[in-house]
Protein backbone atom coordinates (compact mmCIF):
# COMPACT_ATOMS: atom_id res chain seq x y z
CA UNK A 1 63.97 -4.21 63.22
CA UNK A 2 61.31 -4.82 59.96
CA UNK A 3 60.51 -8.69 59.51
CA UNK A 4 61.25 -8.99 56.20
CA UNK A 5 60.72 -12.78 55.62
CA UNK A 6 57.36 -12.45 56.70
CA UNK A 7 55.82 -9.94 53.82
CA UNK A 8 57.16 -12.47 51.76
CA UNK A 9 54.24 -14.73 49.25
CA UNK A 10 53.34 -17.44 50.71
CA UNK A 11 54.55 -19.98 48.20
CA UNK A 12 58.45 -19.37 49.65
CA UNK A 13 57.40 -18.93 52.83
CA UNK A 14 56.12 -22.50 52.83
CA UNK A 15 59.65 -23.64 50.42
CA UNK A 16 61.45 -22.61 53.79
CA UNK A 17 58.95 -24.42 55.91
CA UNK A 18 59.95 -27.54 53.90
CA UNK A 19 63.69 -27.17 54.03
CA UNK A 20 64.17 -27.20 58.05
CA UNK A 21 63.71 -30.01 59.99
CA UNK A 22 60.36 -30.70 61.72
CA UNK A 23 60.75 -29.41 65.03
CA UNK A 24 62.95 -25.80 63.71
CA UNK A 25 59.53 -25.91 61.19
CA UNK A 26 57.11 -25.95 64.34
CA UNK A 27 59.15 -23.00 66.00
CA UNK A 28 58.44 -20.61 63.80
CA UNK A 29 54.54 -20.55 65.56
CA UNK A 30 56.65 -18.00 67.90
CA UNK A 31 58.16 -15.39 64.81
CA UNK A 32 54.86 -13.82 64.33
CA UNK A 33 51.32 -14.32 63.51
CA UNK A 34 51.33 -14.62 59.57
CA UNK A 35 53.71 -18.10 60.99
CA UNK A 36 51.57 -18.96 63.00
CA UNK A 37 48.49 -19.14 60.45
CA UNK A 38 51.25 -20.34 57.56
CA UNK A 39 51.95 -23.64 60.33
CA UNK A 40 47.87 -24.18 60.70
CA UNK A 41 47.19 -24.26 57.54
CA UNK A 42 49.67 -26.87 56.78
CA UNK A 43 53.43 -28.03 56.84
CA UNK A 44 54.39 -28.23 53.11
CA UNK A 45 57.41 -30.12 52.36
CA UNK A 46 58.84 -31.85 48.80
CA UNK A 47 60.40 -35.12 48.32
CA UNK A 48 60.55 -38.14 46.03
CA UNK A 49 58.41 -41.18 46.36
CA UNK A 50 60.89 -43.45 48.75
CA UNK A 51 60.72 -40.53 51.35
CA UNK A 52 56.80 -40.28 52.05
CA UNK A 53 56.62 -43.00 54.44
CA UNK A 54 59.57 -41.54 56.72
CA UNK A 55 58.47 -38.05 55.97
CA UNK A 56 54.96 -39.00 56.87
CA UNK A 57 55.94 -40.91 60.09
CA UNK A 58 58.02 -37.58 61.46
CA UNK A 59 55.09 -35.21 61.11
CA UNK A 60 52.75 -38.18 63.04
CA UNK A 61 55.94 -38.62 65.56
CA UNK A 62 56.39 -35.12 66.44
CA UNK A 63 52.31 -34.77 66.92
CA UNK A 64 51.51 -33.70 70.43
CA UNK A 65 48.31 -32.14 71.53
CA UNK A 66 49.35 -31.15 74.73
CA UNK A 67 52.20 -29.21 72.54
CA UNK A 68 51.70 -25.94 70.82
CA UNK A 69 54.57 -26.49 69.16
CA UNK A 70 53.60 -29.71 67.75
CA UNK A 71 49.85 -29.90 67.18
CA UNK A 72 49.71 -28.86 63.03
CA UNK A 73 47.13 -30.66 61.89
CA UNK A 74 47.65 -30.42 58.30
CA UNK A 75 50.83 -32.19 56.45
CA UNK A 76 51.61 -31.65 52.60
CA UNK A 77 53.88 -33.24 50.83
CA UNK A 78 54.75 -33.30 47.06
CA UNK A 79 56.13 -36.00 45.43
CA UNK A 80 56.85 -37.51 42.20
CA UNK A 81 54.76 -36.84 38.93
CA UNK A 82 52.83 -34.43 39.80
CA UNK A 83 51.55 -35.99 42.68
CA UNK A 84 50.56 -34.34 46.21
CA UNK A 85 49.90 -36.45 50.27
CA UNK A 86 46.99 -34.16 52.28
CA UNK A 87 47.42 -36.08 56.07
CA UNK A 88 44.85 -34.49 57.96
CA UNK A 89 45.17 -35.45 61.29
CA UNK A 90 41.44 -35.82 63.19
CA UNK A 91 40.63 -36.37 67.14
CA UNK A 92 40.47 -39.31 68.80
CA UNK A 93 43.56 -40.82 67.01
CA UNK A 94 42.21 -40.47 62.89
CA UNK A 95 44.26 -39.61 60.16
CA UNK A 96 42.70 -38.73 56.92
CA UNK A 97 45.16 -39.42 53.67
CA UNK A 98 44.27 -38.08 50.57
CA UNK A 99 46.45 -38.38 47.47
CA UNK A 100 46.18 -36.18 44.33
CA UNK A 101 48.20 -36.66 41.38
CA UNK A 102 48.81 -34.55 38.09
CA UNK A 103 46.79 -34.66 35.08
CA UNK A 104 47.11 -38.55 34.31
CA UNK A 105 46.95 -39.16 30.15
CA UNK A 106 46.23 -42.61 30.53
CA UNK A 107 45.03 -43.34 33.99
CA UNK A 108 45.55 -47.23 35.19
CA UNK A 109 44.00 -49.71 36.64
CA UNK A 110 45.80 -51.55 40.07
CA UNK A 111 45.42 -53.21 42.96
CA UNK A 112 45.54 -53.01 46.51
CA UNK A 113 47.08 -54.85 49.07
CA UNK A 114 47.25 -54.07 52.51
CA UNK A 115 48.80 -55.83 55.65
CA UNK A 116 47.62 -54.26 59.27
CA UNK A 117 48.55 -54.07 62.46
CA UNK A 118 52.07 -56.11 62.47
CA UNK A 119 53.49 -55.55 65.82
CA UNK A 120 57.12 -54.45 64.92
CA UNK A 121 58.85 -54.06 68.09
CA UNK A 122 61.01 -51.74 66.39
CA UNK A 123 59.13 -50.03 65.08
CA UNK A 124 57.16 -49.05 67.66
CA UNK A 125 56.10 -45.45 67.87
CA UNK A 126 57.01 -43.81 71.20
CA UNK A 127 54.48 -42.38 74.22
CA UNK A 128 54.44 -39.04 73.11
CA UNK A 129 53.55 -40.21 69.01
CA UNK A 130 50.61 -40.08 67.85
CA UNK A 131 48.61 -43.42 67.42
CA UNK A 132 46.28 -44.14 64.90
CA UNK A 133 42.78 -45.99 65.28
CA UNK A 134 41.49 -44.30 62.45
CA UNK A 135 42.02 -44.49 59.14
CA UNK A 136 40.30 -42.33 55.72
CA UNK A 137 42.39 -43.50 52.75
CA UNK A 138 40.63 -40.99 50.14
CA UNK A 139 41.45 -41.19 45.73
CA UNK A 140 44.73 -43.82 45.92
CA UNK A 141 45.80 -44.30 42.28
CA UNK A 142 47.95 -46.52 40.15
CA UNK A 143 51.04 -43.82 41.15
CA UNK A 144 50.10 -44.32 44.82
CA UNK A 145 49.18 -47.19 45.37
CA UNK A 146 52.96 -48.14 46.62
CA UNK A 147 53.42 -45.12 48.87
CA UNK A 148 49.67 -46.83 50.26
CA UNK A 149 51.55 -50.12 50.75
CA UNK A 150 53.89 -48.98 52.27
CA UNK A 151 52.81 -46.60 55.29
CA UNK A 152 50.78 -49.37 55.92
CA UNK A 153 53.27 -50.70 58.60
CA UNK A 154 52.54 -47.48 60.29
CA UNK A 155 49.39 -48.10 61.70
CA UNK A 156 49.87 -50.81 64.46
CA UNK A 157 46.76 -50.45 66.48
CA UNK A 158 44.55 -49.80 63.62
CA UNK A 159 41.26 -50.35 64.47
CA UNK A 160 39.04 -48.39 61.60
CA UNK A 161 39.92 -48.24 58.00
CA UNK A 162 37.56 -46.10 55.32
CA UNK A 163 38.48 -46.90 51.50
CA UNK A 164 36.69 -43.79 49.05
CA UNK A 165 36.29 -42.39 45.74
CA UNK A 166 39.81 -44.44 44.45
CA UNK A 167 38.31 -44.62 40.65
CA UNK A 168 41.09 -47.46 39.30
CA UNK A 169 41.01 -49.94 42.18
CA UNK A 170 40.28 -53.15 40.39
CA UNK A 171 41.65 -54.99 43.28
CA UNK A 172 41.53 -55.13 46.91
CA UNK A 173 43.37 -56.77 49.48
CA UNK A 174 43.74 -56.61 53.41
CA UNK A 175 44.87 -58.56 55.84
CA UNK A 176 44.71 -57.75 59.31
CA UNK A 177 45.07 -60.71 62.83
CA UNK A 178 44.19 -58.61 65.37
CA UNK A 179 43.20 -54.85 65.22
CA UNK A 180 40.61 -54.30 62.86
CA UNK A 181 37.34 -53.57 63.77
CA UNK A 182 35.71 -51.67 61.24
CA UNK A 183 36.17 -51.25 57.52
CA UNK A 184 34.50 -48.98 54.72
CA UNK A 185 35.10 -48.70 51.07
CA UNK A 186 32.66 -46.33 49.73
CA UNK A 187 32.42 -45.31 45.59
CA UNK A 188 35.29 -47.72 43.86
CA UNK A 189 33.64 -48.38 40.72
CA UNK A 190 35.95 -50.73 39.10
CA UNK A 191 36.15 -53.19 42.40
CA UNK A 192 36.05 -56.07 41.13
CA UNK A 193 38.24 -58.41 44.00
CA UNK A 194 37.49 -57.71 47.19
CA UNK A 195 39.44 -60.26 49.89
CA UNK A 196 39.06 -59.69 53.86
CA UNK A 197 41.24 -61.36 56.55
CA UNK A 198 39.92 -60.50 59.18
CA UNK A 199 39.29 -62.44 62.79
CA UNK A 200 37.37 -59.11 65.10
CA UNK A 201 35.81 -57.26 61.82
CA UNK A 202 32.17 -56.09 63.56
CA UNK A 203 31.61 -53.28 60.73
CA UNK A 204 31.84 -54.12 57.32
CA UNK A 205 30.38 -50.89 54.94
CA UNK A 206 30.43 -50.99 50.88
CA UNK A 207 28.91 -49.04 47.78
CA UNK A 208 29.15 -49.79 44.41
CA UNK A 209 29.35 -52.70 42.08
CA UNK A 210 29.04 -55.49 44.31
CA UNK A 211 32.57 -57.36 43.83
CA UNK A 212 33.72 -60.65 43.77
CA UNK A 213 34.06 -61.14 47.68
CA UNK A 214 36.03 -63.74 49.62
CA UNK A 215 36.25 -62.90 52.92
CA UNK A 216 38.69 -65.62 54.21
CA UNK A 217 37.32 -65.64 57.55
CA UNK A 218 33.83 -66.16 59.08
CA UNK A 219 33.65 -62.96 61.22
CA UNK A 220 30.32 -62.54 62.54
CA UNK A 221 29.59 -58.80 61.58
CA UNK A 222 26.89 -56.65 63.99
CA UNK A 223 26.53 -54.16 61.29
CA UNK A 224 26.35 -54.38 57.17
CA UNK A 225 26.05 -52.09 54.95
CA UNK A 226 25.62 -53.74 50.89
CA UNK A 227 24.63 -50.84 48.48
CA UNK A 228 25.25 -52.63 45.55
CA UNK A 229 21.95 -50.88 43.40
CA UNK A 230 24.77 -51.19 40.33
CA UNK A 231 24.79 -54.32 40.22
CA UNK A 232 27.45 -57.06 40.39
CA UNK A 233 30.65 -56.03 39.69
CA UNK A 234 31.68 -58.51 36.78
CA UNK A 235 30.77 -61.06 34.72
CA UNK A 236 30.45 -64.37 36.22
CA UNK A 237 28.63 -63.90 39.26
CA UNK A 238 26.69 -67.06 41.04
CA UNK A 239 24.93 -67.96 44.39
CA UNK A 240 28.05 -69.83 45.35
CA UNK A 241 30.20 -67.46 45.20
CA UNK A 242 27.75 -65.62 48.53
CA UNK A 243 27.79 -68.27 50.49
CA UNK A 244 30.92 -67.40 52.48
CA UNK A 245 29.66 -63.68 52.72
CA UNK A 246 25.85 -64.98 54.09
CA UNK A 247 27.32 -66.68 57.18
CA UNK A 248 29.42 -63.31 57.82
CA UNK A 249 26.31 -61.18 57.95
CA UNK A 250 23.66 -63.80 59.24
CA UNK A 251 24.15 -62.40 62.26
CA UNK A 252 24.36 -58.78 61.87
CA UNK A 253 21.68 -56.16 63.76
CA UNK A 254 22.15 -53.06 61.21
CA UNK A 255 21.72 -54.67 57.78
CA UNK A 256 21.14 -52.53 54.00
CA UNK A 257 20.69 -55.31 51.16
CA UNK A 258 19.52 -54.27 47.68
CA UNK A 259 16.62 -56.83 45.68
CA UNK A 260 18.66 -58.33 43.34
CA UNK A 261 21.39 -59.56 45.97
CA UNK A 262 18.77 -61.55 47.85
CA UNK A 263 16.78 -62.67 44.44
CA UNK A 264 20.42 -63.92 42.84
CA UNK A 265 22.65 -64.61 46.12
CA UNK A 266 21.38 -65.02 48.55
CA UNK A 267 18.44 -67.08 47.61
CA UNK A 268 20.30 -69.66 45.59
CA UNK A 269 22.92 -69.98 49.16
CA UNK A 270 19.99 -70.16 51.26
CA UNK A 271 19.14 -73.92 49.07
CA UNK A 272 22.50 -75.19 50.81
CA UNK A 273 21.90 -74.28 53.53
CA UNK A 274 20.10 -75.39 56.82
CA UNK A 275 16.44 -75.13 55.85
CA UNK A 276 15.77 -72.75 58.78
CA UNK A 277 18.28 -70.58 58.26
CA UNK A 278 17.55 -66.84 59.32
CA UNK A 279 18.73 -63.30 60.04
CA UNK A 280 17.51 -63.74 63.95
CA UNK A 281 19.67 -60.89 65.45
CA UNK A 282 18.73 -58.60 62.45
CA UNK A 283 16.96 -55.14 64.18
CA UNK A 284 16.98 -52.98 61.61
CA UNK A 285 17.36 -52.78 57.96
CA UNK A 286 17.39 -50.47 54.58
CA UNK A 287 15.88 -52.32 51.42
CA UNK A 288 16.57 -50.93 48.38
CA UNK A 289 14.45 -52.49 45.70
CA UNK A 290 13.44 -51.65 41.78
CA UNK A 291 10.25 -51.67 42.15
CA UNK A 292 7.22 -51.93 44.90
CA UNK A 293 5.89 -54.97 44.18
CA UNK A 294 7.19 -56.37 47.37
CA UNK A 295 6.90 -59.53 46.63
CA UNK A 296 11.49 -60.11 47.22
CA UNK A 297 10.46 -58.30 50.31
CA UNK A 298 8.01 -60.10 52.02
CA UNK A 299 9.53 -63.01 51.37
CA UNK A 300 13.09 -62.43 53.23
CA UNK A 301 11.02 -60.10 56.20
CA UNK A 302 10.27 -64.06 56.77
CA UNK A 303 13.54 -65.04 57.54
CA UNK A 304 13.99 -61.82 59.87
CA UNK A 305 12.20 -62.57 63.00
CA UNK A 306 13.38 -59.48 65.79
CA UNK A 307 12.94 -57.28 63.32
CA UNK A 308 12.57 -54.11 64.59
CA UNK A 309 12.62 -50.93 61.89
CA UNK A 310 12.27 -51.31 58.43
CA UNK A 311 13.12 -48.46 55.29
CA UNK A 312 12.25 -49.04 52.44
CA UNK A 313 13.60 -47.47 49.17
CA UNK A 314 12.29 -47.45 45.74
CA UNK A 315 15.01 -46.84 43.24
CA UNK A 316 13.88 -47.01 39.72
CA UNK A 317 17.64 -46.94 37.93
CA UNK A 318 18.94 -50.21 40.85
CA UNK A 319 19.71 -52.86 39.19
CA UNK A 320 16.86 -56.11 38.81
CA UNK A 321 17.61 -59.46 36.92
CA UNK A 322 13.83 -60.60 35.62
CA UNK A 323 14.35 -63.57 36.50
CA UNK A 324 15.25 -63.84 39.44
CA UNK A 325 11.26 -64.16 41.17
CA UNK A 326 11.25 -67.45 41.34
CA UNK A 327 14.02 -67.49 44.37
CA UNK A 328 12.51 -64.95 46.69
CA UNK A 329 9.02 -67.00 46.86
CA UNK A 330 10.91 -70.26 48.45
CA UNK A 331 12.68 -67.84 50.87
CA UNK A 332 11.09 -67.38 54.38
CA UNK A 333 7.78 -68.89 55.18
CA UNK A 334 7.48 -69.69 58.07
CA UNK A 335 8.09 -66.77 60.16
CA UNK A 336 6.06 -63.67 61.45
CA UNK A 337 7.29 -60.19 62.67
CA UNK A 338 6.21 -60.09 66.56
CA UNK A 339 8.33 -57.02 67.36
CA UNK A 340 8.33 -54.61 64.36
CA UNK A 341 7.52 -51.18 65.11
CA UNK A 342 8.40 -49.17 62.66
CA UNK A 343 8.39 -48.38 58.64
CA UNK A 344 9.67 -45.49 56.95
CA UNK A 345 8.66 -45.91 52.97
CA UNK A 346 10.36 -43.64 50.26
CA UNK A 347 10.30 -43.56 46.21
CA UNK A 348 7.15 -44.59 46.02
CA UNK A 349 5.46 -42.56 42.59
CA UNK A 350 1.93 -42.94 43.98
CA UNK A 351 0.15 -43.54 47.58
CA UNK A 352 -2.05 -46.41 46.25
CA UNK A 353 1.63 -48.26 45.85
CA UNK A 354 2.56 -47.36 49.53
CA UNK A 355 -0.76 -48.91 50.65
CA UNK A 356 0.19 -51.73 48.81
CA UNK A 357 2.45 -52.23 50.32
CA UNK A 358 1.28 -51.56 53.48
CA UNK A 359 -1.55 -53.91 53.20
CA UNK A 360 1.24 -56.44 52.16
CA UNK A 361 3.50 -55.91 55.66
CA UNK A 362 0.69 -56.14 57.09
CA UNK A 363 -0.39 -59.70 56.30
CA UNK A 364 3.24 -61.21 57.95
CA UNK A 365 3.86 -58.92 61.20
CA UNK A 366 1.10 -59.33 64.39
CA UNK A 367 1.99 -55.98 65.43
CA UNK A 368 0.81 -52.27 65.02
CA UNK A 369 3.64 -50.65 63.62
CA UNK A 370 3.94 -46.94 62.65
CA UNK A 371 3.89 -46.47 59.41
CA UNK A 372 5.57 -43.37 57.66
CA UNK A 373 5.87 -41.73 54.43
CA UNK A 374 6.66 -38.59 52.83
CA UNK A 375 6.41 -36.93 49.41
CA UNK A 376 9.26 -34.87 50.31
CA UNK A 377 11.85 -33.07 53.61
CA UNK A 378 9.05 -31.45 54.68
CA UNK A 379 5.68 -33.20 54.61
CA UNK A 380 5.24 -36.46 56.13
CA UNK A 381 2.55 -38.57 56.67
CA UNK A 382 1.22 -41.62 58.96
CA UNK A 383 -0.76 -44.59 57.75
CA UNK A 384 -4.02 -45.27 59.65
CA UNK A 385 -6.32 -48.93 58.90
CA UNK A 386 -9.72 -47.84 59.59
CA UNK A 387 -12.87 -50.01 59.19
CA UNK A 388 -14.87 -49.84 56.79
CA UNK A 389 -17.67 -49.39 58.82
CA UNK A 390 -16.26 -45.82 60.53
CA UNK A 391 -18.11 -42.27 58.73
CA UNK A 392 -15.39 -40.66 56.86
CA UNK A 393 -13.38 -38.01 58.29
CA UNK A 394 -14.02 -34.23 56.70
CA UNK A 395 -11.33 -32.07 55.46
CA UNK A 396 -10.18 -30.18 58.77
CA UNK A 397 -8.54 -33.54 59.85
CA UNK A 398 -6.35 -33.13 56.79
CA UNK A 399 -7.03 -36.70 56.41
CA UNK A 400 -7.33 -38.20 52.26
CA UNK A 401 -8.32 -41.58 51.94
CA UNK A 402 -6.68 -43.82 49.32
CA UNK A 403 -8.86 -45.69 47.56
CA UNK A 404 -9.80 -49.01 49.69
CA UNK A 405 -7.91 -51.78 49.27
CA UNK A 406 -8.81 -55.06 49.42
CA UNK A 407 -8.16 -56.61 52.62
CA UNK A 408 -9.16 -59.49 54.95
CA UNK A 409 -10.01 -57.91 57.61
CA UNK A 410 -12.86 -55.75 55.81
CA UNK A 411 -10.71 -52.75 56.49
CA UNK A 412 -8.98 -50.12 53.87
CA UNK A 413 -6.37 -47.38 54.94
CA UNK A 414 -5.98 -43.78 55.15
CA UNK A 415 -3.24 -41.43 55.62
CA UNK A 416 -3.15 -38.42 58.05
CA UNK A 417 -0.26 -35.62 57.71
CA UNK A 418 1.84 -34.87 61.17
CA UNK A 419 1.83 -31.80 62.89
CA UNK A 420 4.26 -32.25 64.60
CA UNK A 421 7.78 -33.85 62.85
CA UNK A 422 10.20 -32.87 64.93
CA UNK A 423 10.62 -36.36 66.61
CA UNK A 424 9.20 -38.12 63.45
CA UNK A 425 11.82 -38.60 60.79
CA UNK A 426 13.56 -41.30 61.40
CA UNK A 427 16.88 -42.15 59.47
CA UNK A 428 18.26 -45.64 59.11
CA UNK A 429 21.98 -45.65 60.73
CA UNK A 430 23.54 -45.97 56.51
CA UNK A 431 21.33 -43.40 54.60
CA UNK A 432 24.24 -40.81 56.05
CA UNK A 433 27.44 -42.37 54.30
């Protein structure tokens, strides 16, 4: 007997999927290869906004990695006003929720309040259920923010939360009394207010205009990414606003920071804290600057006695304030760096500027770090310090001489093109975000 149903268009087959109970729809993979391919593409359902949480819960509850009939990783739910939720199950307890909406004639700003890890014994997942440890929210809008808040009760052991590309998100409040360890917020350009309540947060990563940031507890971060090169997210910034943030990042081992954040927010906070404040545990720093003068950077380095790796990126488009320099000069006057092993420079306009900064760094270190720079992704150069009475290398050594700079130790710098670069393209961990 011919299989007439399998020859129908995909849209009709998806409608059949959505009309069946979840377990019945899962059994269609045994009908033919066509059904199996459609099932692996996505399970599709239609409903109302009120149905979203239950539909997603049913999808997750029936997921079983070991059962071929229950291991569909994609679920697409269509609800009001052309809105669609795409649910993708990733490995190791990961879940991605990607919201898309129909054409919005008048997009609106909105706020999002997320309460995580509430222990509700009545709604505990069964042993066969999929346990969500990592959640990625994408493109939430004012049409879907209430849906997001309602479904968060399904994630009671959530450890990692990532929020990206929410273009009109204006305020965000996140509360977690138990499990949340890592929070990442990227590319939400209108975010102006951020409130975090978490006892155990260890990783915080943020990219975008810096909002008014209020951590409720001084959680000790180990990893902090603050790429705010677009400047402040609201107009009434005060140095005292950053006091609580500074206390949460003081023990980090890995840090990304913009110069303006240090000058405008950290330096004024230092004046209210203990005079010997330092980033004692910081080992790896990515410094984002708008210019190559290096004064603020050197001041900050003197606060980092344990620093081992330094990455400097010059971005002329990065935000800056002309009135800031007086603060950076006061910070960190006593410390020298005894552990610095690597310096990587990017974005400089010319080699002379690179040499000048290398010399300034050399004056605050007691080691001889490897200093690398690259004009592109292929050519990598390392700096070498040579005595002024050393004869010049000939051209076969692929060594060029930069105009000698003044140096108290009567030396000049040259750079050497590195031949074998397989192991000499170091990257800060935050550069791949």
